[in-house]
Amino acid sequence: MASFICQDIVLLLLTSGRDPGIIPRNVHPPEPEGYDGSVETGGGQTPQLRLPRIKEVDVNGIPVKIKYCDTCMLYRPPRCSHCSICNNCVERFDHHCPWVGQCIGLVSTYIFFSIHSIHSRLSSDVFHLKILFASRTSVEYNLHMKFIWELAWIFQ
């Protein structure tokens, strides 16, 4: 059981320390298609260019719609979403996990599911230990049960 706890801690650190697949922001918005740089403005004002919200591109001969992110100033790839908590666009965004303080995306998905499988194994071990010691009625049993319930509370 101690090895599962160590694995769990290592996987939590790996998940929280890795880049989940954040797409770097653009410094300037992309130029719209068909823009030749000759927009007439009066009084030295910056021209207001309207970028389309959805753009269609061909990926391997298949037309795919991609959306524009105003915050990151880029067209997001397919299956990419903007996280309102991290304020970044993340590839294959699943959710923002408060336990690891990071988005779960392209890179961190498999590690995150490994954490869940280890938590399931620890929970079943705690349950089986509880059943194993349930028939005992000694001081030793009470100490074991206190330890087991503390583990159950930590990993709930």
N, C-alpha and C. Protein backbone atom coordinates (compact mmCIF):
# COMPACT_ATOMS: atom_id res chain seq x y z
N MET A 1 0.82 -1.18 0.00
CA MET A 1 0.00 0.00 0.00
C MET A 1 0.88 1.25 0.00
N ALA A 2 2.04 1.17 0.64
CA ALA A 2 2.93 2.33 0.67
C ALA A 2 3.44 2.67 -0.73
N SER A 3 3.63 1.64 -1.56
CA SER A 3 4.11 1.92 -2.91
C SER A 3 3.03 2.65 -3.72
N PHE A 4 1.75 2.31 -3.49
CA PHE A 4 0.68 3.01 -4.19
C PHE A 4 0.61 4.48 -3.76
N ILE A 5 0.83 4.73 -2.48
CA ILE A 5 0.82 6.10 -1.99
C ILE A 5 1.96 6.89 -2.61
N CYS A 6 3.15 6.29 -2.69
CA CYS A 6 4.29 6.96 -3.31
C CYS A 6 4.03 7.22 -4.80
N GLN A 7 3.47 6.22 -5.49
CA GLN A 7 3.14 6.41 -6.90
C GLN A 7 2.12 7.53 -7.08
N ASP A 8 1.15 7.58 -6.20
CA ASP A 8 0.12 8.59 -6.26
C ASP A 8 0.73 9.99 -6.12
N ILE A 9 1.62 10.15 -5.16
CA ILE A 9 2.25 11.46 -4.94
C ILE A 9 3.11 11.85 -6.14
N VAL A 10 3.86 10.89 -6.68
CA VAL A 10 4.70 11.19 -7.85
C VAL A 10 3.84 11.58 -9.04
N LEU A 11 2.74 10.87 -9.28
CA LEU A 11 1.86 11.20 -10.40
C LEU A 11 1.18 12.55 -10.21
N LEU A 12 0.80 12.89 -8.97
CA LEU A 12 0.22 14.21 -8.71
C LEU A 12 1.23 15.31 -9.03
N LEU A 13 2.49 15.10 -8.63
CA LEU A 13 3.53 16.09 -8.93
C LEU A 13 3.79 16.19 -10.43
N LEU A 14 3.80 15.05 -11.12
CA LEU A 14 3.99 15.07 -12.57
C LEU A 14 2.86 15.82 -13.27
N THR A 15 1.64 15.57 -12.84
CA THR A 15 0.49 16.22 -13.47
C THR A 15 0.51 17.72 -13.22
N SER A 16 0.82 18.11 -12.01
CA SER A 16 0.79 19.54 -11.70
C SER A 16 1.99 20.29 -12.26
N GLY A 17 3.09 19.58 -12.57
CA GLY A 17 4.29 20.25 -13.04
C GLY A 17 4.46 20.27 -14.55
N ARG A 18 3.67 19.53 -15.27
CA ARG A 18 3.81 19.46 -16.73
C ARG A 18 2.90 20.44 -17.43
N ASP A 19 3.32 20.82 -18.62
CA ASP A 19 2.49 21.64 -19.49
C ASP A 19 1.37 20.77 -20.04
N PRO A 20 0.10 21.12 -19.83
CA PRO A 20 -0.99 20.25 -20.28
C PRO A 20 -1.25 20.32 -21.79
N GLY A 21 -0.54 21.14 -22.50
CA GLY A 21 -0.77 21.31 -23.94
C GLY A 21 -1.22 22.72 -24.25
N ILE A 22 -0.67 23.70 -23.53
CA ILE A 22 -1.04 25.10 -23.72
C ILE A 22 -0.50 25.58 -25.06
N ILE A 23 -1.35 26.23 -25.83
CA ILE A 23 -0.94 26.79 -27.11
C ILE A 23 -0.45 28.22 -26.85
N PRO A 24 0.78 28.55 -27.30
CA PRO A 24 1.30 29.90 -27.05
C PRO A 24 0.44 30.97 -27.71
N ARG A 25 0.31 32.10 -27.04
CA ARG A 25 -0.50 33.21 -27.54
C ARG A 25 0.24 33.95 -28.65
N ASN A 26 -0.53 34.61 -29.49
CA ASN A 26 0.04 35.51 -30.48
C ASN A 26 0.20 36.89 -29.87
N VAL A 27 1.25 37.59 -30.27
CA VAL A 27 1.44 38.96 -29.80
C VAL A 27 0.50 39.89 -30.56
N HIS A 28 0.31 39.61 -31.86
CA HIS A 28 -0.57 40.40 -32.70
C HIS A 28 -1.61 39.47 -33.32
N PRO A 29 -2.82 39.99 -33.57
CA PRO A 29 -3.82 39.13 -34.20
C PRO A 29 -3.41 38.79 -35.64
N PRO A 30 -3.86 37.65 -36.14
CA PRO A 30 -3.51 37.29 -37.52
C PRO A 30 -4.20 38.23 -38.51
N GLU A 31 -3.57 38.42 -39.66
CA GLU A 31 -4.17 39.28 -40.68
C GLU A 31 -5.28 38.51 -41.38
N PRO A 32 -6.40 39.18 -41.63
CA PRO A 32 -7.49 38.49 -42.32
C PRO A 32 -7.11 38.16 -43.75
N GLU A 33 -7.74 37.11 -44.28
CA GLU A 33 -7.47 36.71 -45.66
C GLU A 33 -7.93 37.81 -46.60
N GLY A 34 -7.13 38.05 -47.62
CA GLY A 34 -7.47 39.08 -48.58
C GLY A 34 -7.06 40.47 -48.14
N TYR A 35 -6.37 40.61 -47.01
CA TYR A 35 -5.92 41.91 -46.51
C TYR A 35 -4.62 42.27 -47.22
N ASP A 36 -4.62 43.44 -47.91
CA ASP A 36 -3.43 43.85 -48.65
C ASP A 36 -2.67 44.98 -47.96
N GLY A 37 -3.13 45.41 -46.80
CA GLY A 37 -2.43 46.45 -46.05
C GLY A 37 -2.82 47.85 -46.45
N SER A 38 -3.76 48.03 -47.32
CA SER A 38 -4.12 49.36 -47.80
C SER A 38 -5.53 49.74 -47.34
N VAL A 39 -5.69 49.90 -46.05
CA VAL A 39 -6.98 50.31 -45.49
C VAL A 39 -6.90 51.81 -45.22
N GLU A 40 -7.88 52.56 -45.72
CA GLU A 40 -7.89 54.00 -45.55
C GLU A 40 -8.48 54.35 -44.19
N THR A 41 -7.71 55.09 -43.41
CA THR A 41 -8.21 55.60 -42.14
C THR A 41 -7.83 57.06 -42.07
N GLY A 42 -8.64 57.82 -41.41
CA GLY A 42 -8.37 59.25 -41.30
C GLY A 42 -7.84 59.61 -39.92
N GLY A 43 -7.00 60.61 -39.85
CA GLY A 43 -6.52 61.13 -38.58
C GLY A 43 -5.53 60.24 -37.86
N GLY A 44 -4.83 59.37 -38.55
CA GLY A 44 -3.80 58.53 -37.94
C GLY A 44 -4.36 57.46 -37.02
N GLN A 45 -5.59 57.03 -37.26
CA GLN A 45 -6.19 56.00 -36.42
C GLN A 45 -5.78 54.62 -36.90
N THR A 46 -5.79 53.67 -35.97
CA THR A 46 -5.51 52.28 -36.33
C THR A 46 -6.76 51.68 -36.96
N PRO A 47 -6.63 51.00 -38.10
CA PRO A 47 -7.82 50.41 -38.72
C PRO A 47 -8.39 49.28 -37.88
N GLN A 48 -9.71 49.20 -37.83
CA GLN A 48 -10.38 48.13 -37.10
C GLN A 48 -10.63 46.98 -38.07
N LEU A 49 -9.90 45.89 -37.91
CA LEU A 49 -10.06 44.73 -38.76
C LEU A 49 -10.93 43.72 -38.05
N ARG A 50 -11.95 43.22 -38.73
CA ARG A 50 -12.84 42.23 -38.15
C ARG A 50 -12.45 40.86 -38.67
N LEU A 51 -12.02 40.00 -37.77
CA LEU A 51 -11.67 38.63 -38.15
C LEU A 51 -12.92 37.76 -38.05
N PRO A 52 -13.08 36.82 -38.97
CA PRO A 52 -14.24 35.93 -38.86
C PRO A 52 -14.12 35.05 -37.62
N ARG A 53 -15.24 34.81 -36.94
CA ARG A 53 -15.25 34.00 -35.72
C ARG A 53 -14.90 32.54 -36.02
N ILE A 54 -15.38 32.04 -37.15
CA ILE A 54 -15.13 30.65 -37.54
C ILE A 54 -14.51 30.66 -38.93
N LYS A 55 -13.47 29.86 -39.07
CA LYS A 55 -12.77 29.77 -40.35
C LYS A 55 -12.71 28.31 -40.74
N GLU A 56 -12.87 28.04 -42.03
CA GLU A 56 -12.83 26.67 -42.50
C GLU A 56 -11.48 26.39 -43.15
N VAL A 57 -10.81 25.34 -42.70
CA VAL A 57 -9.52 24.93 -43.26
C VAL A 57 -9.62 23.46 -43.66
N ASP A 58 -8.74 23.06 -44.57
CA ASP A 58 -8.70 21.66 -44.99
C ASP A 58 -7.61 20.93 -44.23
N VAL A 59 -7.98 19.85 -43.56
CA VAL A 59 -7.04 18.98 -42.85
C VAL A 59 -7.13 17.61 -43.50
N ASN A 60 -6.07 17.21 -44.18
CA ASN A 60 -6.04 15.93 -44.92
C ASN A 60 -7.21 15.80 -45.89
N GLY A 61 -7.56 16.92 -46.54
CA GLY A 61 -8.64 16.91 -47.51
C GLY A 61 -10.02 17.00 -46.92
N ILE A 62 -10.13 17.10 -45.61
CA ILE A 62 -11.44 17.19 -44.95
C ILE A 62 -11.61 18.62 -44.42
N PRO A 63 -12.72 19.29 -44.78
CA PRO A 63 -12.93 20.65 -44.27
C PRO A 63 -13.25 20.63 -42.76
N VAL A 64 -12.50 21.42 -42.01
CA VAL A 64 -12.67 21.50 -40.55
C VAL A 64 -12.88 22.96 -40.17
N LYS A 65 -13.87 23.21 -39.30
CA LYS A 65 -14.12 24.56 -38.82
C LYS A 65 -13.29 24.81 -37.56
N ILE A 66 -12.56 25.92 -37.55
CA ILE A 66 -11.79 26.30 -36.36
C ILE A 66 -12.28 27.65 -35.89
N LYS A 67 -12.24 27.86 -34.57
CA LYS A 67 -12.76 29.08 -33.96
C LYS A 67 -11.62 30.02 -33.60
N TYR A 68 -11.94 31.30 -33.57
CA TYR A 68 -10.98 32.32 -33.19
C TYR A 68 -11.11 32.62 -31.70
N CYS A 69 -9.99 32.69 -31.00
CA CYS A 69 -9.98 33.04 -29.57
C CYS A 69 -9.52 34.49 -29.44
N ASP A 70 -10.40 35.35 -28.92
CA ASP A 70 -10.07 36.77 -28.77
C ASP A 70 -8.97 36.99 -27.74
N THR A 71 -8.94 36.19 -26.69
CA THR A 71 -7.95 36.38 -25.63
C THR A 71 -6.55 36.01 -26.10
N CYS A 72 -6.42 34.88 -26.76
CA CYS A 72 -5.11 34.40 -27.21
C CYS A 72 -4.74 34.91 -28.60
N MET A 73 -5.68 35.54 -29.28
CA MET A 73 -5.50 36.09 -30.62
C MET A 73 -4.99 35.05 -31.61
N LEU A 74 -5.66 33.91 -31.65
CA LEU A 74 -5.29 32.87 -32.60
C LEU A 74 -6.50 32.03 -32.95
N TYR A 75 -6.39 31.35 -34.09
CA TYR A 75 -7.42 30.38 -34.45
C TYR A 75 -7.05 29.07 -33.77
N ARG A 76 -7.96 28.58 -32.93
CA ARG A 76 -7.67 27.37 -32.16
C ARG A 76 -7.75 26.14 -33.04
N PRO A 77 -6.84 25.19 -32.82
CA PRO A 77 -6.94 23.92 -33.56
C PRO A 77 -8.18 23.13 -33.11
N PRO A 78 -8.58 22.12 -33.87
CA PRO A 78 -9.73 21.31 -33.46
C PRO A 78 -9.49 20.67 -32.08
N ARG A 79 -10.54 20.52 -31.31
CA ARG A 79 -10.54 19.94 -29.95
C ARG A 79 -9.73 20.76 -28.96
N CYS A 80 -9.57 22.03 -29.23
CA CYS A 80 -8.86 22.93 -28.33
C CYS A 80 -9.89 23.88 -27.74
N SER A 81 -9.74 24.17 -26.45
CA SER A 81 -10.66 25.08 -25.78
C SER A 81 -9.89 26.06 -24.92
N HIS A 82 -10.55 27.16 -24.58
CA HIS A 82 -9.94 28.17 -23.74
C HIS A 82 -10.39 27.94 -22.29
N CYS A 83 -9.42 27.81 -21.39
CA CYS A 83 -9.73 27.63 -19.97
C CYS A 83 -9.89 29.00 -19.33
N SER A 84 -11.03 29.22 -18.72
CA SER A 84 -11.29 30.53 -18.10
C SER A 84 -10.51 30.71 -16.80
N ILE A 85 -10.08 29.62 -16.19
CA ILE A 85 -9.34 29.72 -14.93
C ILE A 85 -7.86 30.00 -15.20
N CYS A 86 -7.26 29.23 -16.11
CA CYS A 86 -5.84 29.43 -16.47
C CYS A 86 -5.65 30.57 -17.46
N ASN A 87 -6.72 30.92 -18.17
CA ASN A 87 -6.70 31.95 -19.20
C ASN A 87 -5.75 31.59 -20.34
N ASN A 88 -5.77 30.32 -20.75
CA ASN A 88 -4.96 29.81 -21.85
C ASN A 88 -5.80 28.88 -22.72
N CYS A 89 -5.41 28.77 -23.99
CA CYS A 89 -6.01 27.76 -24.86
C CYS A 89 -5.23 26.47 -24.68
N VAL A 90 -5.94 25.36 -24.46
CA VAL A 90 -5.32 24.07 -24.17
C VAL A 90 -5.79 23.04 -25.19
N GLU A 91 -4.83 22.32 -25.78
CA GLU A 91 -5.17 21.27 -26.74
C GLU A 91 -5.84 20.11 -26.02
N ARG A 92 -6.88 19.55 -26.63
CA ARG A 92 -7.68 18.45 -26.07
C ARG A 92 -8.07 18.73 -24.62
N PHE A 93 -8.57 19.92 -24.39
CA PHE A 93 -8.95 20.37 -23.04
C PHE A 93 -10.05 19.48 -22.50
N ASP A 94 -9.83 18.91 -21.31
CA ASP A 94 -10.85 18.10 -20.66
C ASP A 94 -11.53 18.92 -19.56
N HIS A 95 -10.74 19.37 -18.59
CA HIS A 95 -11.28 20.21 -17.52
C HIS A 95 -10.12 20.84 -16.75
N HIS A 96 -10.45 21.79 -15.91
CA HIS A 96 -9.45 22.37 -15.02
C HIS A 96 -9.61 21.68 -13.67
N CYS A 97 -8.57 20.99 -13.23
CA CYS A 97 -8.64 20.22 -12.00
C CYS A 97 -8.16 21.06 -10.81
N PRO A 98 -9.01 21.29 -9.83
CA PRO A 98 -8.56 22.07 -8.67
C PRO A 98 -7.59 21.30 -7.77
N TRP A 99 -7.59 19.96 -7.86
CA TRP A 99 -6.70 19.18 -7.00
C TRP A 99 -5.24 19.30 -7.42
N VAL A 100 -5.00 19.40 -8.71
CA VAL A 100 -3.61 19.56 -9.18
C VAL A 100 -3.33 21.00 -9.57
N GLY A 101 -4.35 21.84 -9.61
CA GLY A 101 -4.16 23.25 -9.93
C GLY A 101 -3.75 23.47 -11.37
N GLN A 102 -4.24 22.65 -12.26
CA GLN A 102 -3.79 22.70 -13.65
C GLN A 102 -4.90 22.18 -14.55
N CYS A 103 -4.82 22.54 -15.81
CA CYS A 103 -5.75 21.99 -16.78
C CYS A 103 -5.36 20.56 -17.12
N ILE A 104 -6.35 19.75 -17.42
CA ILE A 104 -6.10 18.40 -17.90
C ILE A 104 -6.33 18.45 -19.40
N GLY A 105 -5.24 18.24 -20.14
CA GLY A 105 -5.30 18.38 -21.59
C GLY A 105 -4.52 17.28 -22.28
N LEU A 106 -3.97 17.61 -23.44
CA LEU A 106 -3.30 16.66 -24.32
C LEU A 106 -2.22 15.85 -23.61
N VAL A 107 -1.34 16.50 -22.87
CA VAL A 107 -0.19 15.83 -22.26
C VAL A 107 -0.55 15.15 -20.95
N SER A 108 -1.40 15.77 -20.15
CA SER A 108 -1.62 15.30 -18.79
C SER A 108 -2.80 14.34 -18.63
N THR A 109 -3.50 14.00 -19.69
CA THR A 109 -4.69 13.14 -19.58
C THR A 109 -4.34 11.76 -19.05
N TYR A 110 -3.33 11.11 -19.63
CA TYR A 110 -3.01 9.74 -19.24
C TYR A 110 -2.47 9.66 -17.81
N ILE A 111 -1.69 10.63 -17.41
CA ILE A 111 -1.18 10.66 -16.03
C ILE A 111 -2.35 10.86 -15.07
N PHE A 112 -3.29 11.73 -15.44
CA PHE A 112 -4.44 12.00 -14.58
C PHE A 112 -5.29 10.75 -14.40
N PHE A 113 -5.50 9.98 -15.47
CA PHE A 113 -6.28 8.75 -15.33
C PHE A 113 -5.52 7.70 -14.53
N SER A 114 -4.19 7.72 -14.57
CA SER A 114 -3.40 6.83 -13.73
C SER A 114 -3.60 7.15 -12.25
N ILE A 115 -3.70 8.43 -11.94
CA ILE A 115 -3.97 8.84 -10.56
C ILE A 115 -5.31 8.27 -10.11
N HIS A 116 -6.32 8.36 -10.97
CA HIS A 116 -7.64 7.83 -10.60
C HIS A 116 -7.61 6.31 -10.41
N SER A 117 -6.86 5.60 -11.22
CA SER A 117 -6.79 4.15 -11.04
C SER A 117 -6.09 3.79 -9.73
N ILE A 118 -5.05 4.53 -9.37
CA ILE A 118 -4.36 4.28 -8.10
C ILE A 118 -5.28 4.61 -6.93
N HIS A 119 -6.04 5.70 -7.04
CA HIS A 119 -6.99 6.05 -5.97
C HIS A 119 -8.03 4.94 -5.80
N SER A 120 -8.49 4.38 -6.91
CA SER A 120 -9.46 3.28 -6.82
C SER A 120 -8.84 2.08 -6.12
N ARG A 121 -7.61 1.76 -6.46
CA ARG A 121 -6.93 0.63 -5.82
C ARG A 121 -6.73 0.88 -4.33
N LEU A 122 -6.33 2.09 -3.96
CA LEU A 122 -6.15 2.41 -2.54
C LEU A 122 -7.48 2.32 -1.79
N SER A 123 -8.55 2.80 -2.40
CA SER A 123 -9.85 2.72 -1.75
C SER A 123 -10.28 1.28 -1.53
N SER A 124 -10.05 0.43 -2.53
CA SER A 124 -10.43 -0.97 -2.35
C SER A 124 -9.54 -1.65 -1.31
N ASP A 125 -8.25 -1.29 -1.26
CA ASP A 125 -7.38 -1.85 -0.22
C ASP A 125 -7.83 -1.45 1.18
N VAL A 126 -8.20 -0.21 1.34
CA VAL A 126 -8.68 0.26 2.64
C VAL A 126 -9.96 -0.47 3.02
N PHE A 127 -10.85 -0.66 2.08
CA PHE A 127 -12.10 -1.37 2.33
C PHE A 127 -11.82 -2.82 2.74
N HIS A 128 -10.91 -3.50 2.03
CA HIS A 128 -10.59 -4.88 2.36
C HIS A 128 -9.89 -5.01 3.71
N LEU A 129 -9.05 -4.06 4.04
CA LEU A 129 -8.42 -4.07 5.36
C LEU A 129 -9.45 -3.86 6.46
N LYS A 130 -10.43 -3.03 6.21
CA LYS A 130 -11.49 -2.82 7.18
C LYS A 130 -12.25 -4.11 7.43
N ILE A 131 -12.57 -4.84 6.37
CA ILE A 131 -13.28 -6.12 6.52
C ILE A 131 -12.39 -7.13 7.24
N LEU A 132 -11.10 -7.14 6.91
CA LEU A 132 -10.17 -8.08 7.52
C LEU A 132 -10.09 -7.90 9.03
N PHE A 133 -10.06 -6.65 9.48
CA PHE A 133 -9.92 -6.38 10.91
C PHE A 133 -11.27 -6.21 11.62
N ALA A 134 -12.36 -6.39 10.93
CA ALA A 134 -13.67 -6.16 11.54
C ALA A 134 -14.02 -7.18 12.61
N SER A 135 -13.47 -8.38 12.52
CA SER A 135 -13.82 -9.41 13.49
C SER A 135 -13.02 -9.30 14.79
N ARG A 136 -11.97 -8.52 14.79
CA ARG A 136 -11.14 -8.39 16.00
C ARG A 136 -11.74 -7.35 16.94
N THR A 137 -11.56 -7.60 18.24
CA THR A 137 -12.10 -6.66 19.23
C THR A 137 -11.05 -6.32 20.27
N SER A 138 -9.85 -6.06 19.85
CA SER A 138 -8.79 -5.75 20.80
C SER A 138 -8.32 -4.31 20.61
N VAL A 139 -7.37 -3.92 21.44
CA VAL A 139 -6.78 -2.60 21.33
C VAL A 139 -6.03 -2.48 20.01
N GLU A 140 -5.39 -3.58 19.60
CA GLU A 140 -4.68 -3.61 18.33
C GLU A 140 -5.63 -3.31 17.17
N TYR A 141 -6.82 -3.89 17.24
CA TYR A 141 -7.82 -3.65 16.20
C TYR A 141 -8.20 -2.17 16.15
N ASN A 142 -8.41 -1.56 17.30
CA ASN A 142 -8.79 -0.14 17.34
C ASN A 142 -7.71 0.75 16.74
N LEU A 143 -6.44 0.42 17.00
CA LEU A 143 -5.35 1.20 16.41
C LEU A 143 -5.31 1.02 14.89
N HIS A 144 -5.49 -0.21 14.43
CA HIS A 144 -5.51 -0.46 12.99
C HIS A 144 -6.68 0.27 12.33
N MET A 145 -7.84 0.22 12.96
CA MET A 145 -9.02 0.86 12.38
C MET A 145 -8.85 2.38 12.33
N LYS A 146 -8.23 2.93 13.36
CA LYS A 146 -7.99 4.38 13.35
C LYS A 146 -7.09 4.75 12.18
N PHE A 147 -6.04 3.96 11.95
CA PHE A 147 -5.12 4.21 10.84
C PHE A 147 -5.83 4.06 9.50
N ILE A 148 -6.65 3.03 9.38
CA ILE A 148 -7.36 2.78 8.12
C ILE A 148 -8.36 3.89 7.84
N TRP A 149 -9.09 4.35 8.86
CA TRP A 149 -10.06 5.42 8.64
C TRP A 149 -9.35 6.73 8.30
N GLU A 150 -8.16 6.95 8.87
CA GLU A 150 -7.41 8.14 8.52
C GLU A 150 -6.97 8.07 7.06
N LEU A 151 -6.54 6.90 6.59
CA LEU A 151 -6.19 6.74 5.19
C LEU A 151 -7.40 6.95 4.29
N ALA A 152 -8.53 6.41 4.71
CA ALA A 152 -9.76 6.57 3.91
C ALA A 152 -10.15 8.03 3.83
N TRP A 153 -9.96 8.77 4.91
CA TRP A 153 -10.31 10.19 4.90
C TRP A 153 -9.37 10.97 3.99
N ILE A 154 -8.08 10.60 3.98
CA ILE A 154 -7.10 11.30 3.14
C ILE A 154 -7.40 11.07 1.66
N PHE A 155 -7.75 9.83 1.28
CA PHE A 155 -7.91 9.49 -0.13
C PHE A 155 -9.36 9.45 -0.58
N GLN A 156 -10.25 10.10 0.12
CA GLN A 156 -11.64 10.07 -0.32
C GLN A 156 -11.90 10.97 -1.48
